[in-house]
């Protein structure tokens, strides 16, 4: 089943399939594995809004912790 939120983000931020895969990988590494969860959606949106896809994963995770999106 396709994730509507990821499709919407890919259109809004012009993400290619590699970038969507990287986005999913970052969120999974942050400890969120349920793609339909509100946390997954919030984190995915935040990463796209703040243009963090090109940032090293470790730094993204630290930023997510700092913003209180993950613990």
C-alpha atoms as a PDB file:
ATOM      1  CA  UNK A   1       0.000   0.000   0.000  1.00  0.00           C
ATOM      2  CA  UNK A   2       1.352   3.427  -0.917  1.00  0.00           C
ATOM      3  CA  UNK A   3       1.790   6.130   1.679  1.00  0.00           C
ATOM      4  CA  UNK A   4      -0.243   9.188   0.674  1.00  0.00           C
ATOM      5  CA  UNK A   5       1.754  11.478   2.958  1.00  0.00           C
ATOM      6  CA  UNK A   6       5.052  10.467   1.326  1.00  0.00           C
ATOM      7  CA  UNK A   7       3.534  10.922  -2.122  1.00  0.00           C
ATOM      8  CA  UNK A   8       2.315  14.396  -1.145  1.00  0.00           C
ATOM      9  CA  UNK A   9       5.747  15.316   0.239  1.00  0.00           C
ATOM     10  CA  UNK A  10       7.517  14.003  -2.847  1.00  0.00           C
ATOM     11  CA  UNK A  11       5.323  16.201  -5.041  1.00  0.00           C
ATOM     12  CA  UNK A  12       5.523  19.294  -2.821  1.00  0.00           C
ATOM     13  CA  UNK A  13       9.310  19.115  -2.364  1.00  0.00           C
ATOM     14  CA  UNK A  14      10.106  17.534  -5.759  1.00  0.00           C
ATOM     15  CA  UNK A  15      11.725  14.453  -4.213  1.00  0.00           C
ATOM     16  CA  UNK A  16      12.924  11.625  -6.422  1.00  0.00           C
ATOM     17  CA  UNK A  17      12.691   7.972  -5.390  1.00  0.00           C
ATOM     18  CA  UNK A  18      16.230   7.987  -3.955  1.00  0.00           C
ATOM     19  CA  UNK A  19      15.398  10.972  -1.747  1.00  0.00           C
ATOM     20  CA  UNK A  20      12.149   9.373  -0.561  1.00  0.00           C
ATOM     21  CA  UNK A  21      14.080   6.207   0.319  1.00  0.00           C
ATOM     22  CA  UNK A  22      16.633   8.268   2.229  1.00  0.00           C
ATOM     23  CA  UNK A  23      13.832  10.077   4.075  1.00  0.00           C
ATOM     24  CA  UNK A  24      12.306   6.750   5.114  1.00  0.00           C
ATOM     25  CA  UNK A  25      15.721   5.435   6.172  1.00  0.00           C
ATOM     26  CA  UNK A  26      16.401   8.489   8.351  1.00  0.00           C
ATOM     27  CA  UNK A  27      13.046   8.142  10.090  1.00  0.00           C
ATOM     28  CA  UNK A  28      13.548   4.402  10.666  1.00  0.00           C
ATOM     29  CA  UNK A  29      17.012   5.083  12.104  1.00  0.00           C
ATOM     30  CA  UNK A  30      15.391   7.629  14.405  1.00  0.00           C
ATOM     31  CA  UNK A  31      13.336   4.765  15.835  1.00  0.00           C
ATOM     32  CA  UNK A  32       9.991   5.311  14.125  1.00  0.00           C
ATOM     33  CA  UNK A  33       8.927   2.308  12.066  1.00  0.00           C
ATOM     34  CA  UNK A  34       5.180   2.749  11.566  1.00  0.00           C
ATOM     35  CA  UNK A  35       4.761   4.751   8.359  1.00  0.00           C
ATOM     36  CA  UNK A  36       1.138   5.651   9.087  1.00  0.00           C
ATOM     37  CA  UNK A  37       1.868   7.013  12.570  1.00  0.00           C
ATOM     38  CA  UNK A  38       1.535  10.705  13.399  1.00  0.00           C
ATOM     39  CA  UNK A  39       5.205  10.718  14.504  1.00  0.00           C
ATOM     40  CA  UNK A  40       6.362   9.445  11.122  1.00  0.00           C
ATOM     41  CA  UNK A  41       4.330  12.113   9.343  1.00  0.00           C
ATOM     42  CA  UNK A  42       5.556  14.927  11.625  1.00  0.00           C
ATOM     43  CA  UNK A  43       9.196  13.906  11.258  1.00  0.00           C
ATOM     44  CA  UNK A  44       8.959  13.443   7.477  1.00  0.00           C
ATOM     45  CA  UNK A  45       7.353  16.851   7.094  1.00  0.00           C
ATOM     46  CA  UNK A  46       9.930  18.516   9.365  1.00  0.00           C
ATOM     47  CA  UNK A  47      12.871  16.990   7.487  1.00  0.00           C
ATOM     48  CA  UNK A  48      11.476  18.192   4.164  1.00  0.00           C
ATOM     49  CA  UNK A  49      10.480  21.652   5.422  1.00  0.00           C
ATOM     50  CA  UNK A  50      13.922  22.269   6.894  1.00  0.00           C
ATOM     51  CA  UNK A  51      15.791  20.740   3.947  1.00  0.00           C
ATOM     52  CA  UNK A  52      17.656  18.197   6.079  1.00  0.00           C
ATOM     53  CA  UNK A  53      17.827  15.411   3.488  1.00  0.00           C
ATOM     54  CA  UNK A  54      21.400  16.281   2.525  1.00  0.00           C
ATOM     55  CA  UNK A  55      22.509  16.502   6.166  1.00  0.00           C
ATOM     56  CA  UNK A  56      24.344  13.503   7.664  1.00  0.00           C
ATOM     57  CA  UNK A  57      21.902  11.163   9.417  1.00  0.00           C
ATOM     58  CA  UNK A  58      23.585  11.598  12.806  1.00  0.00           C
ATOM     59  CA  UNK A  59      23.052  15.356  12.634  1.00  0.00           C
ATOM     60  CA  UNK A  60      19.431  14.938  11.542  1.00  0.00           C
ATOM     61  CA  UNK A  61      18.753  12.645  14.493  1.00  0.00           C
ATOM     62  CA  UNK A  62      20.344  15.157  16.876  1.00  0.00           C
ATOM     63  CA  UNK A  63      18.167  17.912  15.389  1.00  0.00           C
ATOM     64  CA  UNK A  64      15.050  15.761  15.791  1.00  0.00           C
ATOM     65  CA  UNK A  65      15.962  15.173  19.452  1.00  0.00           C
ATOM     66  CA  UNK A  66      16.625  18.869  19.984  1.00  0.00           C
ATOM     67  CA  UNK A  67      13.209  19.722  18.526  1.00  0.00           C
ATOM     68  CA  UNK A  68      11.529  17.077  20.692  1.00  0.00           C
ATOM     69  CA  UNK A  69      10.338  15.008  17.737  1.00  0.00           C
ATOM     70  CA  UNK A  70      12.115  11.901  19.065  1.00  0.00           C
ATOM     71  CA  UNK A  71      13.546  10.922  22.425  1.00  0.00           C
END
